[in-house]
C-alpha cells in the first residue's frame, strides 16, 4: 500500500469507529430515556414553565425594588432552557 491508500484506510477505520460509538451512544440515550419515563421523573415543558412563572410571581410579590426584581427575573429566565 502506498501512503495515500494507508491514509484512506485509516480514515475509513476512524469513521467506522466513530459510527459505532455514535450508535452505542444512541442506544444508551434511548435506554436512559425509557428509564426516566418508567420512573416518572420527566415533567412536561408546560408544567415546568408554569412553575417558573409561579416563582417569578412570588419574587415579584416579595421584591419591591424594581431593579433587583428585574435582575432576579432575568437570571431565573437564563436558567430555563430555550424552547
C-alpha atoms as a PDB file:
ATOM      1  CA  UNK A   1       0.000   0.000   0.000  1.00  0.00           C
ATOM      2  CA  UNK A   2       1.191   3.470  -0.686  1.00  0.00           C
ATOM      3  CA  UNK A   3       0.898   6.374   1.732  1.00  0.00           C
ATOM      4  CA  UNK A   4      -2.361   7.659   0.202  1.00  0.00           C
ATOM      5  CA  UNK A   5      -4.032   4.262   0.467  1.00  0.00           C
ATOM      6  CA  UNK A   6      -2.863   3.900   4.066  1.00  0.00           C
ATOM      7  CA  UNK A   7      -4.334   7.295   4.989  1.00  0.00           C
ATOM      8  CA  UNK A   8      -7.596   6.384   3.248  1.00  0.00           C
ATOM      9  CA  UNK A   9      -7.772   3.084   5.125  1.00  0.00           C
ATOM     10  CA  UNK A  10      -7.004   4.864   8.409  1.00  0.00           C
ATOM     11  CA  UNK A  11      -9.724   7.425   7.629  1.00  0.00           C
ATOM     12  CA  UNK A  12     -12.247   4.699   6.882  1.00  0.00           C
ATOM     13  CA  UNK A  13     -11.361   2.877  10.095  1.00  0.00           C
ATOM     14  CA  UNK A  14     -11.736   6.080  12.082  1.00  0.00           C
ATOM     15  CA  UNK A  15     -15.155   6.813  10.550  1.00  0.00           C
ATOM     16  CA  UNK A  16     -16.255   3.229  11.169  1.00  0.00           C
ATOM     17  CA  UNK A  17     -15.229   3.512  14.815  1.00  0.00           C
ATOM     18  CA  UNK A  18     -16.950   6.890  15.120  1.00  0.00           C
ATOM     19  CA  UNK A  19     -20.191   5.476  13.697  1.00  0.00           C
ATOM     20  CA  UNK A  20     -20.026   2.594  16.166  1.00  0.00           C
ATOM     21  CA  UNK A  21     -19.545   4.987  19.088  1.00  0.00           C
ATOM     22  CA  UNK A  22     -22.437   7.179  17.929  1.00  0.00           C
ATOM     23  CA  UNK A  23     -24.706   4.145  17.548  1.00  0.00           C
ATOM     24  CA  UNK A  24     -23.763   2.906  21.020  1.00  0.00           C
ATOM     25  CA  UNK A  25     -24.411   6.351  22.481  1.00  0.00           C
ATOM     26  CA  UNK A  26     -27.810   6.463  20.758  1.00  0.00           C
ATOM     27  CA  UNK A  27     -28.738   3.131  22.321  1.00  0.00           C
ATOM     28  CA  UNK A  28     -27.671   4.349  25.766  1.00  0.00           C
ATOM     29  CA  UNK A  29     -29.690   7.559  25.395  1.00  0.00           C
ATOM     30  CA  UNK A  30     -32.787   5.594  24.340  1.00  0.00           C
ATOM     31  CA  UNK A  31     -32.459   3.232  27.322  1.00  0.00           C
ATOM     32  CA  UNK A  32     -31.920   6.143  29.718  1.00  0.00           C
ATOM     33  CA  UNK A  33     -34.951   7.980  28.328  1.00  0.00           C
ATOM     34  CA  UNK A  34     -37.111   4.866  28.771  1.00  0.00           C
ATOM     35  CA  UNK A  35     -35.833   4.565  32.339  1.00  0.00           C
ATOM     36  CA  UNK A  36     -36.734   8.194  33.055  1.00  0.00           C
ATOM     37  CA  UNK A  37     -40.235   7.606  31.671  1.00  0.00           C
ATOM     38  CA  UNK A  38     -40.636   4.422  33.737  1.00  0.00           C
ATOM     39  CA  UNK A  39     -39.530   6.270  36.890  1.00  0.00           C
ATOM     40  CA  UNK A  40     -41.822   9.195  36.010  1.00  0.00           C
ATOM     41  CA  UNK A  41     -39.023  11.731  36.540  1.00  0.00           C
ATOM     42  CA  UNK A  42     -39.847  13.785  33.435  1.00  0.00           C
ATOM     43  CA  UNK A  43     -42.305  16.662  33.558  1.00  0.00           C
ATOM     44  CA  UNK A  44     -43.983  18.350  30.613  1.00  0.00           C
ATOM     45  CA  UNK A  45     -42.354  21.591  29.495  1.00  0.00           C
ATOM     46  CA  UNK A  46     -45.625  23.456  30.074  1.00  0.00           C
ATOM     47  CA  UNK A  47     -45.631  22.355  33.727  1.00  0.00           C
ATOM     48  CA  UNK A  48     -42.013  23.454  34.136  1.00  0.00           C
ATOM     49  CA  UNK A  49     -42.804  26.863  32.636  1.00  0.00           C
ATOM     50  CA  UNK A  50     -45.816  27.268  34.934  1.00  0.00           C
ATOM     51  CA  UNK A  51     -43.513  26.541  37.880  1.00  0.00           C
ATOM     52  CA  UNK A  52     -41.004  29.157  36.698  1.00  0.00           C
ATOM     53  CA  UNK A  53     -43.843  31.660  36.247  1.00  0.00           C
ATOM     54  CA  UNK A  54     -45.075  30.946  39.782  1.00  0.00           C
ATOM     55  CA  UNK A  55     -41.562  31.502  41.176  1.00  0.00           C
ATOM     56  CA  UNK A  56     -41.249  34.790  39.277  1.00  0.00           C
ATOM     57  CA  UNK A  57     -44.687  35.885  40.531  1.00  0.00           C
ATOM     58  CA  UNK A  58     -43.673  35.055  44.123  1.00  0.00           C
ATOM     59  CA  UNK A  59     -40.463  37.040  43.678  1.00  0.00           C
ATOM     60  CA  UNK A  60     -42.487  39.948  42.286  1.00  0.00           C
ATOM     61  CA  UNK A  61     -44.652  39.954  45.422  1.00  0.00           C
ATOM     62  CA  UNK A  62     -41.637  39.928  47.754  1.00  0.00           C
ATOM     63  CA  UNK A  63     -39.032  42.047  45.940  1.00  0.00           C
ATOM     64  CA  UNK A  64     -40.187  45.654  45.951  1.00  0.00           C
ATOM     65  CA  UNK A  65     -37.134  47.207  44.292  1.00  0.00           C
ATOM     66  CA  UNK A  66     -37.764  47.113  40.515  1.00  0.00           C
ATOM     67  CA  UNK A  67     -34.098  46.872  39.536  1.00  0.00           C
ATOM     68  CA  UNK A  68     -33.489  43.986  41.940  1.00  0.00           C
ATOM     69  CA  UNK A  69     -36.612  42.195  40.722  1.00  0.00           C
ATOM     70  CA  UNK A  70     -35.567  42.662  37.077  1.00  0.00           C
ATOM     71  CA  UNK A  71     -32.112  41.222  37.808  1.00  0.00           C
ATOM     72  CA  UNK A  72     -33.578  38.234  39.667  1.00  0.00           C
ATOM     73  CA  UNK A  73     -36.166  37.663  36.946  1.00  0.00           C
ATOM     74  CA  UNK A  74     -33.560  37.913  34.173  1.00  0.00           C
ATOM     75  CA  UNK A  75     -31.305  35.460  35.995  1.00  0.00           C
ATOM     76  CA  UNK A  76     -34.133  32.957  36.506  1.00  0.00           C
ATOM     77  CA  UNK A  77     -35.003  33.101  32.824  1.00  0.00           C
ATOM     78  CA  UNK A  78     -31.349  32.418  31.953  1.00  0.00           C
ATOM     79  CA  UNK A  79     -31.643  29.137  33.850  1.00  0.00           C
ATOM     80  CA  UNK A  80     -34.562  27.970  31.711  1.00  0.00           C
ATOM     81  CA  UNK A  81     -33.503  26.080  28.584  1.00  0.00           C
ATOM     82  CA  UNK A  82     -34.647  27.615  25.296  1.00  0.00           C
ATOM     83  CA  UNK A  83     -37.982  26.381  23.977  1.00  0.00           C
END
